[in-house]
Amino acid sequence: MPLRVSIVIPAFKRTALLRKAILSAFEQGLAKDEYEIIVVDSSPEDANRELVEELRAGAPCGLRCLVKEPEGPGPSRNLGARHAQADVLAFMDSDCQAHPGWLRHGLAAFADGVGLVQGTTLPDPEGTLGVFTWYPMNEREHFVYECTNIFYRRQAFEEAGGFPADSTPLAETPLGGEDVELAWAVKRNGWQSRFAPSSIVYHEVVQISVWRWLVMKRLYIWPRLVKKFPELRAFFVARYFWDAAQALLVLALLGGGLSVLTWWTLVLVLPYAAYRGWPPSRSFPGPLRPLRILPYLARDLASLGLLVAGSIRHRCLLL
């Protein structure tokens, strides 16, 4: 019987998390000859490769480790896909854990004409959520098509050319965007996409610094992505704003700037102030709630700066 699905996991350091990812992939309930696991490691040390060798003896399916130079997760996934034996490629990251029904529900969503299937991504139930934590989360089909939990039909994957390389492959947090580019290239080629809600992956809850919370550097790449795939504009506020906060911030800055001519334009600041200062906050309870505006204003201004810089660099407006 030919393999039904090949799991590809790019890895760079984080051996303890990789162990959890592999062990969760062992619990998929498929027969040994139905799936395989391919780890693609680009770490400078041997810990991940030694881990795969340690787990191989007790693996309920094929398990192997490929080694390459660090170029970001996209090229690692491409290498894994080239060595995969199945017609369906399942991607998750090394800081994820798959629910036991992950593969079964993801595979069930494929039908004629379907080239990619996205599953549910949730934060690790054992993680502690807070302001300074990060994790991707989606419970419905999302236009980013993150590789935390996604399946590709091999034919669709190869026709689209695989994942592009990251422009900052050696950064602690690469700029990314390779998941968006591949998915939309596949869709442009005429393949359909589906969402499999019961195909679940849990993502590690990552503690982040105040600086990383303030400066979401990945926003810089989005004008480039929108220029390449104009159809992405349908997912932004009024087609030209990253989200409601950015739209209201631009309105507030416009009102503040025009106030030098006539004071009443300051009323344009109020929607942003209400948007950021009104929601309940554990950090700023009760009468302190309006103070919530200050950190979010700093964050939104930084985001606007990144989007403006990206818009100028790529000559495509997204604010």
C-alpha atoms as a PDB file:
ATOM      1  CA  MET A   1       0.000   0.000   0.000  1.00  0.00           C
ATOM      2  CA  PRO A   2       1.465   3.421  -0.915  1.00  0.00           C
ATOM      3  CA  LEU A   3       1.878   5.975   1.850  1.00  0.00           C
ATOM      4  CA  ARG A   4      -1.116   8.291   2.266  1.00  0.00           C
ATOM      5  CA  VAL A   5       0.674  11.252   3.866  1.00  0.00           C
ATOM      6  CA  SER A   6       4.172  12.493   4.687  1.00  0.00           C
ATOM      7  CA  ILE A   7       4.622  14.765   7.718  1.00  0.00           C
ATOM      8  CA  VAL A   8       7.393  17.356   7.267  1.00  0.00           C
ATOM      9  CA  ILE A   9       8.732  19.189  10.340  1.00  0.00           C
ATOM     10  CA  PRO A  10      11.458  21.846   9.894  1.00  0.00           C
ATOM     11  CA  ALA A  11      13.650  22.141  12.978  1.00  0.00           C
ATOM     12  CA  PHE A  12      16.209  24.619  14.264  1.00  0.00           C
ATOM     13  CA  LYS A  13      17.385  23.965  17.842  1.00  0.00           C
ATOM     14  CA  ARG A  14      14.486  23.649  20.400  1.00  0.00           C
ATOM     15  CA  THR A  15      15.099  19.928  20.930  1.00  0.00           C
ATOM     16  CA  ALA A  16      12.657  19.555  23.833  1.00  0.00           C
ATOM     17  CA  LEU A  17       9.828  20.995  21.749  1.00  0.00           C
ATOM     18  CA  LEU A  18      10.778  18.854  18.758  1.00  0.00           C
ATOM     19  CA  ARG A  19      10.493  15.750  20.949  1.00  0.00           C
ATOM     20  CA  LYS A  20       6.901  16.722  21.846  1.00  0.00           C
ATOM     21  CA  ALA A  21       6.085  17.335  18.178  1.00  0.00           C
ATOM     22  CA  ILE A  22       7.403  13.944  17.049  1.00  0.00           C
ATOM     23  CA  LEU A  23       5.725  12.053  19.893  1.00  0.00           C
ATOM     24  CA  SER A  24       2.397  13.697  19.048  1.00  0.00           C
ATOM     25  CA  ALA A  25       2.848  12.612  15.420  1.00  0.00           C
ATOM     26  CA  PHE A  26       3.327   9.048  16.671  1.00  0.00           C
ATOM     27  CA  GLU A  27      -0.230   9.094  18.099  1.00  0.00           C
ATOM     28  CA  GLN A  28      -2.146   9.525  14.830  1.00  0.00           C
ATOM     29  CA  GLY A  29      -3.791   6.112  14.751  1.00  0.00           C
ATOM     30  CA  LEU A  30      -2.784   5.354  11.159  1.00  0.00           C
ATOM     31  CA  ALA A  31      -1.170   2.122  10.101  1.00  0.00           C
ATOM     32  CA  LYS A  32       2.629   2.002   9.869  1.00  0.00           C
ATOM     33  CA  ASP A  33       2.545   1.884   6.078  1.00  0.00           C
ATOM     34  CA  GLU A  34       0.155   4.854   5.765  1.00  0.00           C
ATOM     35  CA  TYR A  35       2.395   7.714   6.902  1.00  0.00           C
ATOM     36  CA  GLU A  36       5.947   8.841   7.559  1.00  0.00           C
ATOM     37  CA  ILE A  37       7.662  11.649   9.483  1.00  0.00           C
ATOM     38  CA  ILE A  38      10.517  13.657   7.984  1.00  0.00           C
ATOM     39  CA  VAL A  39      12.424  16.068  10.231  1.00  0.00           C
ATOM     40  CA  VAL A  40      14.603  18.592   8.389  1.00  0.00           C
ATOM     41  CA  ASP A  41      17.195  19.961  10.794  1.00  0.00           C
ATOM     42  CA  SER A  42      19.394  22.993  10.210  1.00  0.00           C
ATOM     43  CA  SER A  43      20.743  23.372  13.749  1.00  0.00           C
ATOM     44  CA  PRO A  44      24.461  24.003  14.325  1.00  0.00           C
ATOM     45  CA  GLU A  45      24.629  21.170  16.872  1.00  0.00           C
ATOM     46  CA  ASP A  46      23.606  17.493  16.704  1.00  0.00           C
ATOM     47  CA  ALA A  47      20.938  17.378  19.437  1.00  0.00           C
ATOM     48  CA  ASN A  48      17.942  17.183  17.073  1.00  0.00           C
ATOM     49  CA  ARG A  49      19.552  14.540  14.891  1.00  0.00           C
ATOM     50  CA  GLU A  50      20.415  12.468  17.948  1.00  0.00           C
ATOM     51  CA  LEU A  51      16.816  12.810  19.151  1.00  0.00           C
ATOM     52  CA  VAL A  52      15.455  11.412  15.880  1.00  0.00           C
ATOM     53  CA  GLU A  53      17.856   8.484  16.100  1.00  0.00           C
ATOM     54  CA  GLU A  54      16.755   7.855  19.690  1.00  0.00           C
ATOM     55  CA  LEU A  55      13.050   7.825  18.744  1.00  0.00           C
ATOM     56  CA  ARG A  56      13.423   5.851  15.531  1.00  0.00           C
ATOM     57  CA  ALA A  57      13.465   2.412  17.207  1.00  0.00           C
ATOM     58  CA  GLY A  58      10.048   2.908  18.808  1.00  0.00           C
ATOM     59  CA  ALA A  59       8.455   4.826  15.949  1.00  0.00           C
ATOM     60  CA  PRO A  60       5.080   3.509  14.718  1.00  0.00           C
ATOM     61  CA  CYS A  61       5.902   4.736  11.198  1.00  0.00           C
ATOM     62  CA  GLY A  62       8.882   5.716   9.085  1.00  0.00           C
ATOM     63  CA  LEU A  63      10.994   8.396  10.789  1.00  0.00           C
ATOM     64  CA  ARG A  64      14.111  10.053   9.400  1.00  0.00           C
ATOM     65  CA  CYS A  65      16.111  13.250   9.704  1.00  0.00           C
ATOM     66  CA  LEU A  66      17.522  15.271   6.828  1.00  0.00           C
ATOM     67  CA  VAL A  67      20.234  17.852   7.456  1.00  0.00           C
ATOM     68  CA  LYS A  68      20.847  21.150   5.667  1.00  0.00           C
ATOM     69  CA  GLU A  69      22.285  24.630   6.157  1.00  0.00           C
ATOM     70  CA  PRO A  70      19.968  27.205   7.811  1.00  0.00           C
ATOM     71  CA  GLU A  71      17.939  29.083   5.209  1.00  0.00           C
ATOM     72  CA  GLY A  72      14.666  29.522   7.060  1.00  0.00           C
ATOM     73  CA  PRO A  73      11.748  27.080   7.335  1.00  0.00           C
ATOM     74  CA  GLY A  74      10.608  27.349   3.695  1.00  0.00           C
ATOM     75  CA  PRO A  75      13.646  25.689   2.084  1.00  0.00           C
ATOM     76  CA  SER A  76      13.648  23.064   4.859  1.00  0.00           C
ATOM     77  CA  ARG A  77      10.055  22.175   4.036  1.00  0.00           C
ATOM     78  CA  ASN A  78      10.963  22.010   0.340  1.00  0.00           C
ATOM     79  CA  LEU A  79      13.762  19.534   1.057  1.00  0.00           C
ATOM     80  CA  GLY A  80      11.418  17.401   3.114  1.00  0.00           C
ATOM     81  CA  ALA A  81       8.825  17.477   0.323  1.00  0.00           C
ATOM     82  CA  ARG A  82      11.403  16.351  -2.245  1.00  0.00           C
ATOM     83  CA  HIS A  83      12.218  13.292  -0.130  1.00  0.00           C
ATOM     84  CA  ALA A  84       8.600  12.551   0.831  1.00  0.00           C
ATOM     85  CA  GLN A  85       6.992   9.425  -0.582  1.00  0.00           C
ATOM     86  CA  ALA A  86       3.285  10.266  -0.217  1.00  0.00           C
ATOM     87  CA  ASP A  87       0.946  12.244  -2.474  1.00  0.00           C
ATOM     88  CA  VAL A  88      -0.181  14.432   0.452  1.00  0.00           C
ATOM     89  CA  LEU A  89       2.273  16.592   2.406  1.00  0.00           C
ATOM     90  CA  ALA A  90       1.355  17.563   5.980  1.00  0.00           C
ATOM     91  CA  PHE A  91       3.303  20.438   7.504  1.00  0.00           C
ATOM     92  CA  MET A  92       3.584  21.452  11.120  1.00  0.00           C
ATOM     93  CA  ASP A  93       6.319  23.221  13.060  1.00  0.00           C
ATOM     94  CA  SER A  94       8.671  21.899  15.706  1.00  0.00           C
ATOM     95  CA  ASP A  95       6.957  23.974  18.414  1.00  0.00           C
ATOM     96  CA  CYS A  96       3.584  22.314  17.750  1.00  0.00           C
ATOM     97  CA  GLN A  97       1.809  19.196  18.975  1.00  0.00           C
ATOM     98  CA  ALA A  98      -0.730  17.369  16.851  1.00  0.00           C
ATOM     99  CA  HIS A  99      -4.053  16.159  18.219  1.00  0.00           C
ATOM    100  CA  PRO A 100      -4.501  12.386  17.662  1.00  0.00           C
ATOM    101  CA  GLY A 101      -7.082  13.010  14.921  1.00  0.00           C
ATOM    102  CA  TRP A 102      -4.962  15.556  13.073  1.00  0.00           C
ATOM    103  CA  LEU A 103      -4.007  13.466  10.036  1.00  0.00           C
ATOM    104  CA  ARG A 104      -7.268  11.561   9.749  1.00  0.00           C
ATOM    105  CA  HIS A 105      -9.457  14.679   9.645  1.00  0.00           C
ATOM    106  CA  GLY A 106      -7.048  16.578   7.400  1.00  0.00           C
ATOM    107  CA  LEU A 107      -6.931  13.772   4.851  1.00  0.00           C
ATOM    108  CA  ALA A 108     -10.740  13.423   4.910  1.00  0.00           C
ATOM    109  CA  ALA A 109     -11.122  17.026   3.713  1.00  0.00           C
ATOM    110  CA  PHE A 110      -9.435  16.321   0.375  1.00  0.00           C
ATOM    111  CA  ALA A 111     -11.600  15.834  -2.708  1.00  0.00           C
ATOM    112  CA  ASP A 112     -11.199  16.288  -6.441  1.00  0.00           C
ATOM    113  CA  GLY A 113      -9.815  19.755  -7.135  1.00  0.00           C
ATOM    114  CA  VAL A 114      -8.719  20.442  -3.555  1.00  0.00           C
ATOM    115  CA  GLY A 115      -5.052  21.377  -3.414  1.00  0.00           C
ATOM    116  CA  LEU A 116      -4.647  22.503   0.185  1.00  0.00           C
ATOM    117  CA  VAL A 117      -6.381  21.860   3.475  1.00  0.00           C
ATOM    118  CA  GLN A 118      -5.927  24.061   6.527  1.00  0.00           C
ATOM    119  CA  GLY A 119      -6.617  22.777  10.022  1.00  0.00           C
ATOM    120  CA  THR A 120      -7.326  24.396  13.378  1.00  0.00           C
ATOM    121  CA  THR A 121      -4.428  25.886  15.348  1.00  0.00           C
ATOM    122  CA  LEU A 122      -4.896  26.549  19.070  1.00  0.00           C
ATOM    123  CA  PRO A 123      -2.556  27.586  21.889  1.00  0.00           C
ATOM    124  CA  ASP A 124      -1.095  24.765  23.972  1.00  0.00           C
ATOM    125  CA  PRO A 125      -3.677  24.112  26.745  1.00  0.00           C
ATOM    126  CA  GLU A 126      -0.801  23.776  29.220  1.00  0.00           C
ATOM    127  CA  GLY A 127       0.623  27.196  28.306  1.00  0.00           C
ATOM    128  CA  THR A 128       0.040  30.364  30.314  1.00  0.00           C
ATOM    129  CA  LEU A 129      -1.533  33.100  28.213  1.00  0.00           C
ATOM    130  CA  GLY A 130      -0.718  36.739  28.881  1.00  0.00           C
ATOM    131  CA  VAL A 131      -0.033  40.100  27.293  1.00  0.00           C
ATOM    132  CA  PHE A 132       3.579  39.239  26.511  1.00  0.00           C
ATOM    133  CA  THR A 133       2.942  35.877  24.899  1.00  0.00           C
ATOM    134  CA  TRP A 134       2.681  34.898  21.244  1.00  0.00           C
ATOM    135  CA  TYR A 135       0.980  32.035  19.459  1.00  0.00           C
ATOM    136  CA  PRO A 136      -0.870  31.701  16.150  1.00  0.00           C
ATOM    137  CA  MET A 137      -4.530  30.790  16.425  1.00  0.00           C
ATOM    138  CA  ASN A 138      -7.204  30.119  13.853  1.00  0.00           C
ATOM    139  CA  GLU A 139     -10.488  28.263  14.124  1.00  0.00           C
ATOM    140  CA  ARG A 140     -11.606  28.913  10.562  1.00  0.00           C
ATOM    141  CA  GLU A 141      -9.898  29.207   7.190  1.00  0.00           C
ATOM    142  CA  HIS A 142      -7.446  32.106   7.355  1.00  0.00           C
ATOM    143  CA  PHE A 143      -5.851  33.853   4.416  1.00  0.00           C
ATOM    144  CA  VAL A 144      -2.315  33.525   5.832  1.00  0.00           C
ATOM    145  CA  TYR A 145      -2.435  29.705   5.670  1.00  0.00           C
ATOM    146  CA  GLU A 146       0.203  29.294   8.387  1.00  0.00           C
ATOM    147  CA  CYS A 147       2.331  26.173   8.204  1.00  0.00           C
ATOM    148  CA  THR A 148       1.622  25.331  11.813  1.00  0.00           C
ATOM    149  CA  ASN A 149      -1.125  23.097  10.390  1.00  0.00           C
ATOM    150  CA  ILE A 150      -1.576  22.683   6.655  1.00  0.00           C
ATOM    151  CA  PHE A 151      -1.786  19.915   4.058  1.00  0.00           C
ATOM    152  CA  TYR A 152      -0.877  20.154   0.360  1.00  0.00           C
ATOM    153  CA  ARG A 153      -1.576  17.796  -2.472  1.00  0.00           C
ATOM    154  CA  ARG A 154       1.868  17.063  -3.904  1.00  0.00           C
ATOM    155  CA  GLN A 155       0.822  17.979  -7.448  1.00  0.00           C
ATOM    156  CA  ALA A 156      -0.435  21.401  -6.310  1.00  0.00           C
ATOM    157  CA  PHE A 157       2.695  21.948  -4.223  1.00  0.00           C
ATOM    158  CA  GLU A 158       5.048  21.146  -7.105  1.00  0.00           C
ATOM    159  CA  GLU A 159       3.102  23.169  -9.684  1.00  0.00           C
ATOM    160  CA  ALA A 160       3.408  26.240  -7.431  1.00  0.00           C
ATOM    161  CA  GLY A 161       7.153  25.736  -6.975  1.00  0.00           C
ATOM    162  CA  GLY A 162       7.195  25.117  -3.222  1.00  0.00           C
ATOM    163  CA  PHE A 163       8.044  27.663  -0.551  1.00  0.00           C
ATOM    164  CA  PRO A 164      10.212  30.706  -1.296  1.00  0.00           C
ATOM    165  CA  ALA A 165      13.266  31.362   0.877  1.00  0.00           C
ATOM    166  CA  ASP A 166      13.088  33.851   3.743  1.00  0.00           C
ATOM    167  CA  SER A 167      14.909  37.156   3.318  1.00  0.00           C
ATOM    168  CA  THR A 168      16.233  36.937   6.925  1.00  0.00           C
ATOM    169  CA  PRO A 169      16.930  33.205   7.393  1.00  0.00           C
ATOM    170  CA  LEU A 170      19.354  33.584  10.306  1.00  0.00           C
ATOM    171  CA  ALA A 171      17.130  35.876  12.382  1.00  0.00           C
ATOM    172  CA  GLU A 172      15.651  34.592  15.637  1.00  0.00           C
ATOM    173  CA  THR A 173      12.213  35.339  14.153  1.00  0.00           C
ATOM    174  CA  PRO A 174      12.421  35.332  10.331  1.00  0.00           C
ATOM    175  CA  LEU A 175      10.164  37.759   8.492  1.00  0.00           C
ATOM    176  CA  GLY A 176       8.165  34.879   7.047  1.00  0.00           C
ATOM    177  CA  GLY A 177       5.513  35.161   4.351  1.00  0.00           C
ATOM    178  CA  GLU A 178       6.487  31.946   2.580  1.00  0.00           C
ATOM    179  CA  ASP A 179       3.285  30.258   3.765  1.00  0.00           C
ATOM    180  CA  VAL A 180       1.156  33.053   2.268  1.00  0.00           C
ATOM    181  CA  GLU A 181       2.990  32.973  -1.059  1.00  0.00           C
ATOM    182  CA  LEU A 182       2.716  29.233  -1.588  1.00  0.00           C
ATOM    183  CA  ALA A 183      -0.949  29.014  -0.631  1.00  0.00           C
ATOM    184  CA  TRP A 184      -2.012  31.839  -2.927  1.00  0.00           C
ATOM    185  CA  ALA A 185       0.128  30.532  -5.774  1.00  0.00           C
ATOM    186  CA  VAL A 186      -1.682  27.202  -5.402  1.00  0.00           C
ATOM    187  CA  LYS A 187      -5.072  28.939  -5.396  1.00  0.00           C
ATOM    188  CA  ARG A 188      -4.123  30.998  -8.464  1.00  0.00           C
ATOM    189  CA  ASN A 189      -3.370  27.768 -10.274  1.00  0.00           C
ATOM    190  CA  GLY A 190      -7.025  26.832  -9.891  1.00  0.00           C
ATOM    191  CA  TRP A 191      -6.850  24.541  -6.872  1.00  0.00           C
ATOM    192  CA  GLN A 192      -9.523  24.799  -4.190  1.00  0.00           C
ATOM    193  CA  SER A 193      -8.845  25.156  -0.472  1.00  0.00           C
ATOM    194  CA  ARG A 194     -10.743  23.556   2.395  1.00  0.00           C
ATOM    195  CA  PHE A 195     -10.807  23.938   6.159  1.00  0.00           C
ATOM    196  CA  ALA A 196     -10.832  20.900   8.456  1.00  0.00           C
ATOM    197  CA  PRO A 197     -11.960  22.110  11.919  1.00  0.00           C
ATOM    198  CA  SER A 198     -11.317  18.769  13.629  1.00  0.00           C
ATOM    199  CA  SER A 199      -7.745  18.560  12.311  1.00  0.00           C
ATOM    200  CA  ILE A 200      -6.139  20.239  15.327  1.00  0.00           C
ATOM    201  CA  VAL A 201      -2.596  21.286  16.173  1.00  0.00           C
ATOM    202  CA  TYR A 202      -1.583  22.985  19.424  1.00  0.00           C
ATOM    203  CA  HIS A 203       1.113  25.657  19.255  1.00  0.00           C
ATOM    204  CA  GLU A 204       3.582  26.449  22.019  1.00  0.00           C
ATOM    205  CA  VAL A 205       2.726  29.615  23.972  1.00  0.00           C
ATOM    206  CA  VAL A 206       5.886  31.688  23.520  1.00  0.00           C
ATOM    207  CA  GLN A 207       6.967  34.279  26.056  1.00  0.00           C
ATOM    208  CA  ILE A 208       8.077  37.439  24.228  1.00  0.00           C
ATOM    209  CA  SER A 209       9.900  40.603  25.201  1.00  0.00           C
ATOM    210  CA  VAL A 210       8.233  43.999  25.518  1.00  0.00           C
ATOM    211  CA  TRP A 211      10.184  45.058  22.417  1.00  0.00           C
ATOM    212  CA  ARG A 212       8.827  42.191  20.334  1.00  0.00           C
ATOM    213  CA  TRP A 213       5.304  43.036  21.548  1.00  0.00           C
ATOM    214  CA  LEU A 214       5.771  46.664  20.516  1.00  0.00           C
ATOM    215  CA  VAL A 215       7.479  46.047  17.178  1.00  0.00           C
ATOM    216  CA  MET A 216       5.796  43.429  14.981  1.00  0.00           C
ATOM    217  CA  LYS A 217       8.505  43.447  12.334  1.00  0.00           C
ATOM    218  CA  ARG A 218       6.726  40.971  10.059  1.00  0.00           C
ATOM    219  CA  LEU A 219       4.316  43.733   9.062  1.00  0.00           C
ATOM    220  CA  TYR A 220       7.096  45.102   6.846  1.00  0.00           C
ATOM    221  CA  ILE A 221       6.658  42.283   4.312  1.00  0.00           C
ATOM    222  CA  TRP A 222       2.915  42.661   3.837  1.00  0.00           C
ATOM    223  CA  PRO A 223       2.962  45.440   1.215  1.00  0.00           C
ATOM    224  CA  ARG A 224       5.197  43.172  -0.883  1.00  0.00           C
ATOM    225  CA  LEU A 225       2.772  40.283  -0.483  1.00  0.00           C
ATOM    226  CA  VAL A 226      -0.195  42.466  -1.401  1.00  0.00           C
ATOM    227  CA  LYS A 227       1.639  43.723  -4.474  1.00  0.00           C
ATOM    228  CA  LYS A 228       2.270  40.147  -5.585  1.00  0.00           C
ATOM    229  CA  PHE A 229      -1.233  38.955  -4.656  1.00  0.00           C
ATOM    230  CA  PRO A 230      -3.674  41.899  -4.924  1.00  0.00           C
ATOM    231  CA  GLU A 231      -6.533  39.550  -4.038  1.00  0.00           C
ATOM    232  CA  LEU A 232      -5.279  39.743  -0.431  1.00  0.00           C
ATOM    233  CA  ARG A 233      -6.743  43.248  -0.160  1.00  0.00           C
ATOM    234  CA  ALA A 234     -10.174  41.708   0.326  1.00  0.00           C
ATOM    235  CA  PHE A 235      -9.070  40.639   3.836  1.00  0.00           C
ATOM    236  CA  PHE A 236      -7.982  44.093   5.042  1.00  0.00           C
ATOM    237  CA  VAL A 237     -10.075  46.951   6.443  1.00  0.00           C
ATOM    238  CA  ALA A 238     -11.276  49.119   3.539  1.00  0.00           C
ATOM    239  CA  ARG A 239      -8.686  47.190   1.441  1.00  0.00           C
ATOM    240  CA  TYR A 240      -5.820  49.518   2.488  1.00  0.00           C
ATOM    241  CA  PHE A 241      -5.574  49.162   6.288  1.00  0.00           C
ATOM    242  CA  TRP A 242      -4.006  46.246   8.163  1.00  0.00           C
ATOM    243  CA  ASP A 243      -6.753  46.274  10.792  1.00  0.00           C
ATOM    244  CA  ALA A 244      -9.298  48.544  12.473  1.00  0.00           C
ATOM    245  CA  ALA A 245      -6.678  49.968  14.857  1.00  0.00           C
ATOM    246  CA  GLN A 246      -4.512  51.164  11.963  1.00  0.00           C
ATOM    247  CA  ALA A 247      -7.479  52.702  10.143  1.00  0.00           C
ATOM    248  CA  LEU A 248      -8.567  54.586  13.258  1.00  0.00           C
ATOM    249  CA  LEU A 249      -4.981  55.633  14.049  1.00  0.00           C
ATOM    250  CA  VAL A 250      -4.573  57.190  10.594  1.00  0.00           C
ATOM    251  CA  LEU A 251      -7.896  58.988  11.102  1.00  0.00           C
ATOM    252  CA  ALA A 252      -6.695  60.255  14.504  1.00  0.00           C
ATOM    253  CA  LEU A 253      -3.380  61.474  13.083  1.00  0.00           C
ATOM    254  CA  LEU A 254      -5.238  63.226  10.288  1.00  0.00           C
ATOM    255  CA  GLY A 255      -7.527  64.915  12.803  1.00  0.00           C
ATOM    256  CA  GLY A 256      -4.603  65.943  14.974  1.00  0.00           C
ATOM    257  CA  GLY A 257      -2.697  67.348  12.025  1.00  0.00           C
ATOM    258  CA  LEU A 258      -5.664  69.351  10.730  1.00  0.00           C
ATOM    259  CA  SER A 259      -6.338  70.788  14.183  1.00  0.00           C
ATOM    260  CA  VAL A 260      -3.694  73.441  13.543  1.00  0.00           C
ATOM    261  CA  LEU A 261      -6.167  74.876  11.035  1.00  0.00           C
ATOM    262  CA  THR A 262      -9.429  74.243  12.897  1.00  0.00           C
ATOM    263  CA  TRP A 263      -9.810  72.719  16.355  1.00  0.00           C
ATOM    264  CA  TRP A 264     -12.957  70.714  15.678  1.00  0.00           C
ATOM    265  CA  THR A 265     -11.028  68.127  13.676  1.00  0.00           C
ATOM    266  CA  LEU A 266      -9.783  66.777  17.029  1.00  0.00           C
ATOM    267  CA  VAL A 267     -13.088  64.897  17.142  1.00  0.00           C
ATOM    268  CA  LEU A 268     -11.443  62.481  14.688  1.00  0.00           C
ATOM    269  CA  VAL A 269      -9.179  61.332  17.537  1.00  0.00           C
ATOM    270  CA  LEU A 270     -12.123  60.024  19.573  1.00  0.00           C
ATOM    271  CA  PRO A 271     -12.810  56.782  17.633  1.00  0.00           C
ATOM    272  CA  TYR A 272      -9.217  55.608  18.139  1.00  0.00           C
ATOM    273  CA  ALA A 273      -9.266  56.613  21.822  1.00  0.00           C
ATOM    274  CA  ALA A 274     -12.487  54.675  22.366  1.00  0.00           C
ATOM    275  CA  TYR A 275     -11.235  51.648  20.441  1.00  0.00           C
ATOM    276  CA  ARG A 276      -8.031  51.330  22.464  1.00  0.00           C
ATOM    277  CA  GLY A 277      -9.171  52.771  25.809  1.00  0.00           C
ATOM    278  CA  TRP A 278     -12.592  51.229  26.311  1.00  0.00           C
ATOM    279  CA  PRO A 279     -12.113  47.400  26.218  1.00  0.00           C
ATOM    280  CA  PRO A 280     -11.769  45.708  29.631  1.00  0.00           C
ATOM    281  CA  SER A 281      -8.166  45.178  30.707  1.00  0.00           C
ATOM    282  CA  ARG A 282      -6.641  43.163  33.537  1.00  0.00           C
ATOM    283  CA  SER A 283      -3.536  45.329  33.375  1.00  0.00           C
ATOM    284  CA  PHE A 284      -5.524  48.585  33.617  1.00  0.00           C
ATOM    285  CA  PRO A 285      -8.686  47.839  35.642  1.00  0.00           C
ATOM    286  CA  GLY A 286     -11.514  50.232  36.499  1.00  0.00           C
ATOM    287  CA  PRO A 287     -10.720  53.942  36.242  1.00  0.00           C
ATOM    288  CA  LEU A 288      -7.215  53.146  34.993  1.00  0.00           C
ATOM    289  CA  ARG A 289      -8.669  51.668  31.806  1.00  0.00           C
ATOM    290  CA  PRO A 290      -7.995  54.768  29.621  1.00  0.00           C
ATOM    291  CA  LEU A 291      -4.267  54.392  30.381  1.00  0.00           C
ATOM    292  CA  ARG A 292      -4.403  51.316  28.156  1.00  0.00           C
ATOM    293  CA  ILE A 293      -4.212  53.725  25.224  1.00  0.00           C
ATOM    294  CA  LEU A 294      -0.564  54.601  25.920  1.00  0.00           C
ATOM    295  CA  PRO A 295       1.167  51.230  25.284  1.00  0.00           C
ATOM    296  CA  TYR A 296      -1.163  50.456  22.394  1.00  0.00           C
ATOM    297  CA  LEU A 297      -0.524  53.854  20.835  1.00  0.00           C
ATOM    298  CA  ALA A 298       3.222  53.134  20.898  1.00  0.00           C
ATOM    299  CA  ARG A 299       2.596  49.717  19.361  1.00  0.00           C
ATOM    300  CA  ASP A 300       0.231  51.016  16.679  1.00  0.00           C
ATOM    301  CA  LEU A 301       2.627  53.815  15.728  1.00  0.00           C
ATOM    302  CA  ALA A 302       5.449  51.285  15.363  1.00  0.00           C
ATOM    303  CA  SER A 303       3.192  49.104  13.192  1.00  0.00           C
ATOM    304  CA  LEU A 304       2.251  52.074  11.051  1.00  0.00           C
ATOM    305  CA  GLY A 305       5.936  52.911  10.603  1.00  0.00           C
ATOM    306  CA  LEU A 306       6.710  49.364   9.439  1.00  0.00           C
ATOM    307  CA  LEU A 307       3.780  49.355   7.033  1.00  0.00           C
ATOM    308  CA  VAL A 308       4.735  52.767   5.626  1.00  0.00           C
ATOM    309  CA  ALA A 309       8.343  51.642   5.174  1.00  0.00           C
ATOM    310  CA  GLY A 310       7.201  48.466   3.435  1.00  0.00           C
ATOM    311  CA  SER A 311       4.770  50.419   1.261  1.00  0.00           C
ATOM    312  CA  ILE A 312       7.526  52.780   0.120  1.00  0.00           C
ATOM    313  CA  ARG A 313      10.019  49.977  -0.433  1.00  0.00           C
ATOM    314  CA  HIS A 314       7.635  47.889  -2.537  1.00  0.00           C
ATOM    315  CA  ARG A 315       5.536  50.729  -4.005  1.00  0.00           C
ATOM    316  CA  CYS A 316       2.307  49.250  -2.782  1.00  0.00           C
ATOM    317  CA  LEU A 317       0.168  51.032  -0.195  1.00  0.00           C
ATOM    318  CA  LEU A 318      -0.917  49.159   2.928  1.00  0.00           C
ATOM    319  CA  LEU A 319      -1.251  51.040   6.211  1.00  0.00           C
END
